[in-house]
Amino acid sequence: MTLDHRTIRNGFGRFATGVTVVTCRNDDGEPHGATVNAFTAVSLEPALCQVTLTRKAKACRFLDAKPFAVNVLAADQIDAAWTFAGRPQGPAPRWADGPTAPVLLGNAATISCLPWRTYDGGDHLIVIGEVTHLSTSDADPLLFFGGAFREMADRTADHWMSSVDCPDIGWFGSGFAPLRTTSTLKG
């Protein structure tokens, strides 16, 4: 079965993601960024994360064996998402020097990385970074779903009430006690 690109994009677009901007330095040493929604944690030991960029992105050549940062955008950073997607809107993003590469200010999280591996991903490159520094804020993340930017909605308590994983009344609650076993074997 052959699928056209629009069908594939529409199907993949049904998966909600966060929105990141991968930042690094260009060949002239200036800050550079690219909006990326293909981001995932890979490993805790060692701490690794992955970003996937279209081979058409200028950032691909700037990331070749170079440090970078993954800026998890906050809900109020939609202008930054558009700017680094090549459609500048609103005020220019605010930059700072990060532990490994330039970073944006105001993120929900900032993940600074050293290069780990790069893999072929068809028309994309899969870039794995070793996390050397991570900072978070209380800001809600910017989301992307169905071809549009979104924001998180408040969670209702009803969702958790039917789950034993409910942080308030489930096994996480203060009444949790591990199962006790007694041996019936006589030795």
C-alpha atoms as a PDB file:
ATOM      1  CA  MET A   1       0.000   0.000   0.000  1.00  0.00           C
ATOM      2  CA  THR A   2       1.401   3.368  -1.030  1.00  0.00           C
ATOM      3  CA  LEU A   3       0.418   6.347   1.072  1.00  0.00           C
ATOM      4  CA  ASP A   4       0.612   9.934  -0.083  1.00  0.00           C
ATOM      5  CA  HIS A   5       2.448  12.466   2.086  1.00  0.00           C
ATOM      6  CA  ARG A   6      -0.748  14.248   3.162  1.00  0.00           C
ATOM      7  CA  THR A   7      -2.287  11.003   4.450  1.00  0.00           C
ATOM      8  CA  ILE A   8       0.894  10.218   6.387  1.00  0.00           C
ATOM      9  CA  ARG A   9       1.082  13.739   7.858  1.00  0.00           C
ATOM     10  CA  ASN A  10      -2.584  13.648   8.843  1.00  0.00           C
ATOM     11  CA  GLY A  11      -2.137  10.284  10.573  1.00  0.00           C
ATOM     12  CA  PHE A  12       1.038  11.318  12.402  1.00  0.00           C
ATOM     13  CA  GLY A  13      -0.678  14.608  13.328  1.00  0.00           C
ATOM     14  CA  ARG A  14      -3.201  12.735  15.468  1.00  0.00           C
ATOM     15  CA  PHE A  15      -0.427  12.249  18.039  1.00  0.00           C
ATOM     16  CA  ALA A  16      -0.175  15.295  20.315  1.00  0.00           C
ATOM     17  CA  THR A  17       3.362  16.505  20.961  1.00  0.00           C
ATOM     18  CA  GLY A  18       5.160  19.245  22.769  1.00  0.00           C
ATOM     19  CA  VAL A  19       6.929  21.894  20.716  1.00  0.00           C
ATOM     20  CA  THR A  20      10.673  22.391  20.938  1.00  0.00           C
ATOM     21  CA  VAL A  21      13.217  24.672  19.373  1.00  0.00           C
ATOM     22  CA  VAL A  22      16.616  23.065  18.888  1.00  0.00           C
ATOM     23  CA  THR A  23      19.309  25.708  19.296  1.00  0.00           C
ATOM     24  CA  CYS A  24      22.993  25.671  18.391  1.00  0.00           C
ATOM     25  CA  ARG A  25      25.575  27.959  16.846  1.00  0.00           C
ATOM     26  CA  ASN A  26      25.846  28.477  13.091  1.00  0.00           C
ATOM     27  CA  ASP A  27      29.119  28.470  11.135  1.00  0.00           C
ATOM     28  CA  ASP A  28      29.712  32.102  12.162  1.00  0.00           C
ATOM     29  CA  GLY A  29      29.204  31.308  15.861  1.00  0.00           C
ATOM     30  CA  GLU A  30      25.820  33.054  16.004  1.00  0.00           C
ATOM     31  CA  PRO A  31      22.762  31.504  17.705  1.00  0.00           C
ATOM     32  CA  HIS A  32      20.531  29.472  15.392  1.00  0.00           C
ATOM     33  CA  GLY A  33      17.300  27.588  16.036  1.00  0.00           C
ATOM     34  CA  ALA A  34      14.782  25.292  14.368  1.00  0.00           C
ATOM     35  CA  THR A  35      11.267  24.414  15.535  1.00  0.00           C
ATOM     36  CA  VAL A  36      10.968  20.657  16.068  1.00  0.00           C
ATOM     37  CA  ASN A  37       8.070  18.635  17.434  1.00  0.00           C
ATOM     38  CA  ALA A  38       9.809  15.269  16.986  1.00  0.00           C
ATOM     39  CA  PHE A  39      11.505  15.032  20.397  1.00  0.00           C
ATOM     40  CA  THR A  40      11.702  12.168  22.858  1.00  0.00           C
ATOM     41  CA  ALA A  41      13.577  10.975  25.904  1.00  0.00           C
ATOM     42  CA  VAL A  42      15.741   7.982  25.010  1.00  0.00           C
ATOM     43  CA  SER A  43      17.619   6.846  28.118  1.00  0.00           C
ATOM     44  CA  LEU A  44      18.135   7.710  31.775  1.00  0.00           C
ATOM     45  CA  GLU A  45      21.599   6.101  32.038  1.00  0.00           C
ATOM     46  CA  PRO A  46      23.243   7.668  30.261  1.00  0.00           C
ATOM     47  CA  ALA A  47      20.804  10.562  30.002  1.00  0.00           C
ATOM     48  CA  LEU A  48      19.975  10.785  26.287  1.00  0.00           C
ATOM     49  CA  CYS A  49      17.326  12.584  24.249  1.00  0.00           C
ATOM     50  CA  GLN A  50      16.460  12.616  20.564  1.00  0.00           C
ATOM     51  CA  VAL A  51      15.382  15.250  18.079  1.00  0.00           C
ATOM     52  CA  THR A  52      14.478  14.541  14.492  1.00  0.00           C
ATOM     53  CA  LEU A  53      14.973  17.261  11.879  1.00  0.00           C
ATOM     54  CA  THR A  54      14.180  17.408   8.190  1.00  0.00           C
ATOM     55  CA  ARG A  55      17.358  17.216   6.124  1.00  0.00           C
ATOM     56  CA  LYS A  56      16.282  20.528   4.549  1.00  0.00           C
ATOM     57  CA  ALA A  57      16.795  22.355   7.878  1.00  0.00           C
ATOM     58  CA  LYS A  58      19.918  24.522   8.063  1.00  0.00           C
ATOM     59  CA  ALA A  59      20.318  23.302  11.639  1.00  0.00           C
ATOM     60  CA  CYS A  60      21.245  19.812  10.365  1.00  0.00           C
ATOM     61  CA  ARG A  61      24.648  20.976   9.192  1.00  0.00           C
ATOM     62  CA  PHE A  62      25.175  23.069  12.348  1.00  0.00           C
ATOM     63  CA  LEU A  63      24.441  20.060  14.592  1.00  0.00           C
ATOM     64  CA  ASP A  64      27.041  17.795  12.999  1.00  0.00           C
ATOM     65  CA  ALA A  65      29.080  16.694  16.052  1.00  0.00           C
ATOM     66  CA  LYS A  66      28.277  19.978  17.814  1.00  0.00           C
ATOM     67  CA  PRO A  67      26.568  20.730  21.149  1.00  0.00           C
ATOM     68  CA  PHE A  68      22.942  21.848  21.146  1.00  0.00           C
ATOM     69  CA  ALA A  69      20.010  22.619  23.408  1.00  0.00           C
ATOM     70  CA  VAL A  70      16.401  21.486  23.293  1.00  0.00           C
ATOM     71  CA  ASN A  71      14.108  24.312  24.377  1.00  0.00           C
ATOM     72  CA  VAL A  72      10.704  22.905  25.396  1.00  0.00           C
ATOM     73  CA  LEU A  73       8.511  25.878  24.622  1.00  0.00           C
ATOM     74  CA  ALA A  74       6.056  27.268  27.142  1.00  0.00           C
ATOM     75  CA  ALA A  75       2.453  27.906  26.103  1.00  0.00           C
ATOM     76  CA  ASP A  76       3.132  31.650  25.770  1.00  0.00           C
ATOM     77  CA  GLN A  77       6.041  31.109  23.328  1.00  0.00           C
ATOM     78  CA  ILE A  78       3.987  30.540  20.179  1.00  0.00           C
ATOM     79  CA  ASP A  79       5.790  33.489  18.521  1.00  0.00           C
ATOM     80  CA  ALA A  80       9.116  31.700  19.044  1.00  0.00           C
ATOM     81  CA  ALA A  81       7.685  28.507  17.528  1.00  0.00           C
ATOM     82  CA  TRP A  82       6.651  30.431  14.413  1.00  0.00           C
ATOM     83  CA  THR A  83       9.931  32.371  14.250  1.00  0.00           C
ATOM     84  CA  PHE A  84      12.067  29.234  14.205  1.00  0.00           C
ATOM     85  CA  ALA A  85       9.677  27.563  11.760  1.00  0.00           C
ATOM     86  CA  GLY A  86      10.585  30.328   9.303  1.00  0.00           C
ATOM     87  CA  ARG A  87       7.479  32.487   9.817  1.00  0.00           C
ATOM     88  CA  PRO A  88       8.532  35.255  12.232  1.00  0.00           C
ATOM     89  CA  GLN A  89       5.682  36.786  14.223  1.00  0.00           C
ATOM     90  CA  GLY A  90       5.639  39.033  17.248  1.00  0.00           C
ATOM     91  CA  PRO A  91       8.701  40.086  19.217  1.00  0.00           C
ATOM     92  CA  ALA A  92      12.080  38.478  18.586  1.00  0.00           C
ATOM     93  CA  PRO A  93      12.895  35.581  20.937  1.00  0.00           C
ATOM     94  CA  ARG A  94      15.168  36.330  23.881  1.00  0.00           C
ATOM     95  CA  TRP A  95      18.491  34.426  23.964  1.00  0.00           C
ATOM     96  CA  ALA A  96      20.993  33.529  26.696  1.00  0.00           C
ATOM     97  CA  ASP A  97      24.232  31.570  26.787  1.00  0.00           C
ATOM     98  CA  GLY A  98      23.552  28.024  27.936  1.00  0.00           C
ATOM     99  CA  PRO A  99      25.865  25.344  29.316  1.00  0.00           C
ATOM    100  CA  THR A 100      26.456  23.804  25.860  1.00  0.00           C
ATOM    101  CA  ALA A 101      24.745  26.075  23.334  1.00  0.00           C
ATOM    102  CA  PRO A 102      22.605  29.214  23.163  1.00  0.00           C
ATOM    103  CA  VAL A 103      19.177  28.821  24.806  1.00  0.00           C
ATOM    104  CA  LEU A 104      15.884  30.663  24.680  1.00  0.00           C
ATOM    105  CA  LEU A 105      14.497  32.393  27.764  1.00  0.00           C
ATOM    106  CA  GLY A 106      11.054  31.590  29.171  1.00  0.00           C
ATOM    107  CA  ASN A 107      10.949  27.863  28.345  1.00  0.00           C
ATOM    108  CA  ALA A 108       8.956  25.187  30.139  1.00  0.00           C
ATOM    109  CA  ALA A 109      12.224  23.201  30.154  1.00  0.00           C
ATOM    110  CA  THR A 110      15.709  23.578  28.713  1.00  0.00           C
ATOM    111  CA  ILE A 111      17.832  20.525  27.960  1.00  0.00           C
ATOM    112  CA  SER A 112      21.506  21.123  27.147  1.00  0.00           C
ATOM    113  CA  CYS A 113      23.253  18.361  25.215  1.00  0.00           C
ATOM    114  CA  LEU A 114      26.554  17.180  23.852  1.00  0.00           C
ATOM    115  CA  PRO A 115      26.467  15.250  20.582  1.00  0.00           C
ATOM    116  CA  TRP A 116      26.051  11.480  21.048  1.00  0.00           C
ATOM    117  CA  ARG A 117      25.063   9.939  17.679  1.00  0.00           C
ATOM    118  CA  THR A 118      23.342  10.899  14.440  1.00  0.00           C
ATOM    119  CA  TYR A 119      21.360   8.383  12.405  1.00  0.00           C
ATOM    120  CA  ASP A 120      19.760   8.269   8.970  1.00  0.00           C
ATOM    121  CA  GLY A 121      16.007   8.730   9.218  1.00  0.00           C
ATOM    122  CA  GLY A 122      14.995   8.846   5.537  1.00  0.00           C
ATOM    123  CA  ASP A 123      14.232  12.466   4.690  1.00  0.00           C
ATOM    124  CA  HIS A 124      15.124  13.366   8.312  1.00  0.00           C
ATOM    125  CA  LEU A 125      18.175  13.088  10.567  1.00  0.00           C
ATOM    126  CA  ILE A 126      17.810  11.516  13.993  1.00  0.00           C
ATOM    127  CA  VAL A 127      20.100  13.373  16.392  1.00  0.00           C
ATOM    128  CA  ILE A 128      20.803  11.890  19.815  1.00  0.00           C
ATOM    129  CA  GLY A 129      22.232  14.160  22.500  1.00  0.00           C
ATOM    130  CA  GLU A 130      23.763  13.352  25.864  1.00  0.00           C
ATOM    131  CA  VAL A 131      22.027  15.535  28.435  1.00  0.00           C
ATOM    132  CA  THR A 132      24.536  17.497  30.509  1.00  0.00           C
ATOM    133  CA  HIS A 133      22.207  20.045  32.093  1.00  0.00           C
ATOM    134  CA  LEU A 134      18.442  20.345  32.514  1.00  0.00           C
ATOM    135  CA  SER A 135      16.308  23.128  33.938  1.00  0.00           C
ATOM    136  CA  THR A 136      12.535  23.358  34.280  1.00  0.00           C
ATOM    137  CA  SER A 137       9.953  25.991  35.119  1.00  0.00           C
ATOM    138  CA  ASP A 138       6.326  25.858  36.256  1.00  0.00           C
ATOM    139  CA  ALA A 139       5.114  27.020  32.829  1.00  0.00           C
ATOM    140  CA  ASP A 140       2.706  24.799  30.899  1.00  0.00           C
ATOM    141  CA  PRO A 141       4.177  23.541  27.617  1.00  0.00           C
ATOM    142  CA  LEU A 142       3.064  24.578  24.149  1.00  0.00           C
ATOM    143  CA  LEU A 143       1.427  21.636  22.361  1.00  0.00           C
ATOM    144  CA  PHE A 144       0.947  20.678  18.710  1.00  0.00           C
ATOM    145  CA  PHE A 145      -1.948  18.532  17.507  1.00  0.00           C
ATOM    146  CA  GLY A 146      -3.768  18.149  14.209  1.00  0.00           C
ATOM    147  CA  GLY A 147      -1.624  20.761  12.461  1.00  0.00           C
ATOM    148  CA  ALA A 148      -2.228  23.472  15.065  1.00  0.00           C
ATOM    149  CA  PHE A 149      -0.654  24.814  18.234  1.00  0.00           C
ATOM    150  CA  ARG A 150      -2.628  24.017  21.379  1.00  0.00           C
ATOM    151  CA  GLU A 151      -2.568  24.607  25.117  1.00  0.00           C
ATOM    152  CA  MET A 152      -3.226  22.185  27.935  1.00  0.00           C
ATOM    153  CA  ALA A 153      -6.652  22.131  29.531  1.00  0.00           C
ATOM    154  CA  ASP A 154      -7.202  21.753  33.245  1.00  0.00           C
ATOM    155  CA  ARG A 155      -7.425  18.150  34.361  1.00  0.00           C
ATOM    156  CA  THR A 156     -10.552  17.085  36.167  1.00  0.00           C
ATOM    157  CA  ALA A 157     -10.477  14.838  39.212  1.00  0.00           C
ATOM    158  CA  ASP A 158     -12.917  12.450  37.532  1.00  0.00           C
ATOM    159  CA  HIS A 159     -10.120  11.151  35.341  1.00  0.00           C
ATOM    160  CA  TRP A 160      -8.117   9.755  38.252  1.00  0.00           C
ATOM    161  CA  MET A 161     -11.028   8.623  40.390  1.00  0.00           C
ATOM    162  CA  SER A 162     -11.435   5.422  38.369  1.00  0.00           C
ATOM    163  CA  SER A 163      -7.757   4.517  38.542  1.00  0.00           C
ATOM    164  CA  VAL A 164      -5.689   2.811  41.225  1.00  0.00           C
ATOM    165  CA  ASP A 165      -2.923   5.171  40.085  1.00  0.00           C
ATOM    166  CA  CYS A 166      -4.833   8.165  41.456  1.00  0.00           C
ATOM    167  CA  PRO A 167      -2.252  10.206  43.371  1.00  0.00           C
ATOM    168  CA  ASP A 168      -4.817  11.137  46.024  1.00  0.00           C
ATOM    169  CA  ILE A 169      -6.729   7.944  46.739  1.00  0.00           C
ATOM    170  CA  GLY A 170      -4.947   5.181  44.802  1.00  0.00           C
ATOM    171  CA  TRP A 171      -1.996   3.126  45.928  1.00  0.00           C
ATOM    172  CA  PHE A 172       0.144   6.288  45.842  1.00  0.00           C
ATOM    173  CA  GLY A 173      -1.864   7.699  48.752  1.00  0.00           C
ATOM    174  CA  SER A 174      -0.724   7.676  52.371  1.00  0.00           C
ATOM    175  CA  GLY A 175      -2.557   4.410  53.088  1.00  0.00           C
ATOM    176  CA  PHE A 176      -0.307   2.353  50.791  1.00  0.00           C
ATOM    177  CA  ALA A 177       1.253  -0.714  52.365  1.00  0.00           C
ATOM    178  CA  PRO A 178       3.211  -3.320  50.408  1.00  0.00           C
ATOM    179  CA  LEU A 179       1.809  -6.808  50.191  1.00  0.00           C
ATOM    180  CA  ARG A 180       3.110  -9.043  52.941  1.00  0.00           C
ATOM    181  CA  THR A 181       3.947 -12.618  52.202  1.00  0.00           C
ATOM    182  CA  THR A 182       4.344 -15.405  54.654  1.00  0.00           C
ATOM    183  CA  SER A 183       6.100 -18.582  53.840  1.00  0.00           C
ATOM    184  CA  THR A 184       4.195 -21.810  54.273  1.00  0.00           C
ATOM    185  CA  LEU A 185       7.258 -23.878  53.585  1.00  0.00           C
ATOM    186  CA  LYS A 186       8.766 -25.622  56.577  1.00  0.00           C
ATOM    187  CA  GLY A 187      12.455 -26.049  56.583  1.00  0.00           C
END
